[in-house]
Protein backbone atom coordinates (compact mmCIF):
# COMPACT_ATOMS: atom_id res chain seq x y z
CA MET A 1 -36.38 -76.64 22.53
CA ILE A 2 -35.32 -74.20 19.73
CA LYS A 3 -38.03 -72.68 17.51
CA ILE A 4 -37.68 -70.56 14.50
CA ILE A 5 -40.16 -67.69 14.36
CA SER A 6 -40.53 -66.35 10.94
CA SER A 7 -42.36 -63.25 9.78
CA ASP A 8 -42.98 -61.67 6.35
CA SER A 9 -39.76 -59.61 6.19
CA THR A 10 -37.33 -61.05 8.85
CA THR A 11 -36.59 -64.27 10.55
CA LYS A 12 -36.02 -64.24 14.25
CA TRP A 13 -34.29 -66.89 16.18
CA SER A 14 -35.63 -67.47 19.66
CA LEU A 15 -34.73 -69.90 22.41
CA ILE A 16 -37.78 -71.10 24.30
CA PHE A 17 -37.34 -73.04 27.52
CA ARG A 18 -40.58 -74.92 27.95
CA GLY A 19 -40.12 -75.82 31.59
CA LEU A 20 -39.49 -72.20 32.59
CA GLY A 21 -41.82 -70.67 30.06
CA VAL A 22 -39.12 -68.09 29.19
CA LEU A 23 -38.63 -66.64 25.72
CA LEU A 24 -35.17 -65.39 25.04
CA ALA A 25 -34.96 -63.20 21.93
CA SER A 26 -32.51 -60.63 20.62
CA LYS A 27 -33.63 -57.11 21.42
CA LYS A 28 -33.72 -54.51 18.73
CA PRO A 29 -34.18 -50.86 19.44
CA ASN A 30 -37.73 -49.99 20.31
CA ARG A 31 -39.09 -46.58 19.32
CA LYS A 32 -41.82 -46.77 21.96
CA ARG A 33 -39.29 -47.05 24.67
CA LYS A 34 -37.40 -44.05 23.40
CA GLN A 35 -40.57 -42.07 23.32
CA GLN A 36 -41.60 -43.24 26.82
CA ARG A 37 -38.19 -42.06 28.18
CA ALA A 38 -38.47 -38.74 26.44
CA GLY A 39 -41.98 -38.39 27.88
CA ARG A 40 -40.73 -39.13 31.44
CA GLN A 41 -37.89 -36.66 31.09
CA ALA A 42 -40.37 -33.94 29.89
CA PHE A 43 -42.33 -34.29 33.18
CA ALA A 44 -39.25 -34.49 35.37
CA GLU A 45 -39.27 -31.98 38.25
CA ASP A 46 -36.54 -29.55 39.03
CA ARG A 47 -34.16 -30.72 41.84
CA ARG A 48 -35.21 -27.78 44.03
CA ALA A 49 -38.91 -28.84 43.65
CA GLU A 50 -38.07 -32.50 44.67
CA VAL A 51 -36.12 -31.28 47.75
CA VAL A 52 -38.92 -28.96 48.85
CA THR A 53 -41.61 -31.64 48.23
CA VAL A 54 -39.64 -34.29 50.16
CA ALA A 55 -39.01 -31.92 53.03
CA TRP A 56 -42.63 -30.91 53.09
CA MET A 57 -43.81 -34.48 53.19
CA LEU A 58 -41.36 -35.45 55.91
CA CYS A 59 -42.57 -32.57 58.00
CA VAL A 60 -46.15 -33.54 57.52
CA MET A 61 -45.36 -37.27 58.49
CA ALA A 62 -43.34 -36.15 61.52
CA THR A 63 -46.17 -33.91 62.59
CA LEU A 64 -48.71 -36.69 62.19
CA LEU A 65 -46.54 -39.20 64.18
CA ALA A 66 -46.02 -36.72 66.93
CA GLU A 67 -49.70 -35.99 67.17
CA ILE A 68 -50.52 -39.73 67.26
CA VAL A 69 -47.85 -40.61 69.88
CA GLY A 70 -48.79 -37.61 72.06
CA GLY A 71 -52.48 -38.45 71.82
CA VAL A 72 -51.97 -42.07 72.68
CA VAL A 73 -49.76 -41.33 75.69
CA ARG A 74 -52.20 -38.73 76.90
CA LEU A 75 -55.14 -41.26 76.59
CA VAL A 76 -53.16 -43.93 78.38
CA SER A 77 -52.06 -41.69 81.15
CA THR A 78 -55.49 -40.33 81.75
CA SER A 79 -57.06 -43.77 81.74
CA LEU A 80 -54.59 -44.86 84.48
CA GLY A 81 -55.31 -41.74 86.39
CA SER A 82 -54.59 -42.91 89.94
CA VAL A 83 -51.34 -44.69 89.09
CA ASP A 84 -48.28 -42.69 89.85
CA LEU A 85 -46.53 -42.34 86.48
CA PRO A 86 -42.87 -41.28 86.01
CA GLN A 87 -42.09 -37.64 85.16
CA THR A 88 -40.94 -38.51 81.70
CA VAL A 89 -44.28 -40.19 80.83
CA ARG A 90 -46.27 -37.24 82.18
CA ALA A 91 -44.13 -34.80 80.16
CA MET A 92 -44.27 -36.82 76.97
CA PRO A 93 -47.64 -35.51 75.59
CA GLY A 94 -46.42 -31.89 75.99
CA LEU A 95 -43.12 -32.61 74.28
CA MET A 96 -44.90 -34.40 71.39
CA LEU A 97 -47.32 -31.42 71.09
CA LEU A 98 -44.28 -29.08 70.94
CA SER A 99 -42.61 -31.29 68.31
CA ALA A 100 -45.87 -31.48 66.30
CA LEU A 101 -46.22 -27.65 66.62
CA MET A 102 -42.68 -26.93 65.22
CA THR A 103 -42.92 -29.46 62.37
CA GLY A 104 -46.49 -28.32 61.61
CA ILE A 105 -45.34 -24.71 61.29
CA LEU A 106 -42.40 -25.83 59.03
CA SER A 107 -44.78 -27.82 56.85
CA LEU A 108 -47.01 -24.86 56.55
CA ILE A 109 -44.07 -22.78 55.42
CA LEU A 110 -43.01 -25.40 52.90
CA LEU A 111 -46.48 -25.90 51.46
CA PRO A 112 -46.52 -22.69 49.27
CA LEU A 113 -42.89 -23.28 48.40
CA ALA A 114 -43.76 -26.73 47.07
CA TYR A 115 -46.55 -25.21 44.96
CA HIS A 116 -44.21 -22.49 43.70
CA PHE A 117 -41.28 -24.79 42.66
CA ARG A 118 -43.22 -27.76 41.22
CA ARG A 119 -44.39 -27.83 37.57
CA THR A 120 -47.16 -30.21 38.38
CA ARG A 121 -49.29 -29.39 41.37
CA PRO A 122 -49.73 -31.89 44.22
CA PRO A 123 -53.18 -33.61 44.35
CA PRO A 124 -55.72 -31.45 46.24
CA ILE A 125 -56.37 -34.25 48.73
CA VAL A 126 -52.65 -34.37 49.72
CA THR A 127 -52.65 -30.59 50.22
CA VAL A 128 -55.85 -30.55 52.21
CA PHE A 129 -54.54 -33.53 54.37
CA SER A 130 -51.20 -31.93 54.94
CA ALA A 131 -52.66 -28.54 55.89
CA THR A 132 -55.08 -30.27 58.32
CA VAL A 133 -52.30 -32.23 59.96
CA ALA A 134 -50.22 -29.16 60.25
CA LEU A 135 -53.03 -27.01 61.78
CA VAL A 136 -54.11 -29.49 64.46
CA PRO A 137 -51.27 -28.69 66.85
CA LEU A 138 -51.92 -24.95 66.36
CA ILE A 139 -55.51 -25.42 67.20
CA ILE A 140 -54.77 -27.54 70.24
CA CYS A 141 -52.25 -25.01 71.55
CA PHE A 142 -54.77 -22.19 71.01
CA PHE A 143 -57.52 -23.96 72.92
CA PHE A 144 -55.15 -25.12 75.74
CA GLY A 145 -53.85 -21.50 75.93
CA LEU A 146 -57.27 -20.24 76.62
CA ARG A 147 -57.84 -22.43 79.64
């Protein structure tokens, strides 16, 4: 069905498909869209800041994943205590801890760089979470080193 929508100053022609509920109309330049695009570009981060932020978050996620996998394998292997496990399964918690330690140190190095290069600071909860995740393998290695 074709409808004519008229306003005070101009007349717009629109095609309305009732079954689909779609309104097709000619688009005219919208000032709000231009202002929104300009606003987004004003808050755009530098490429270096984006690279450092992505690398920092990838290190944090790799650290968290290594901690989880190492912890689960250690819990499963200790709960199966008397079963003779292959050497690779027995070595996996240590390897995951080493991986978490290396990526955790790297994420602690990237944390101040992310703050330095970014115009807008990351949310404090993200910073606290990432620092906690990165410090856990260091704390574990410190306490296991004391035994």
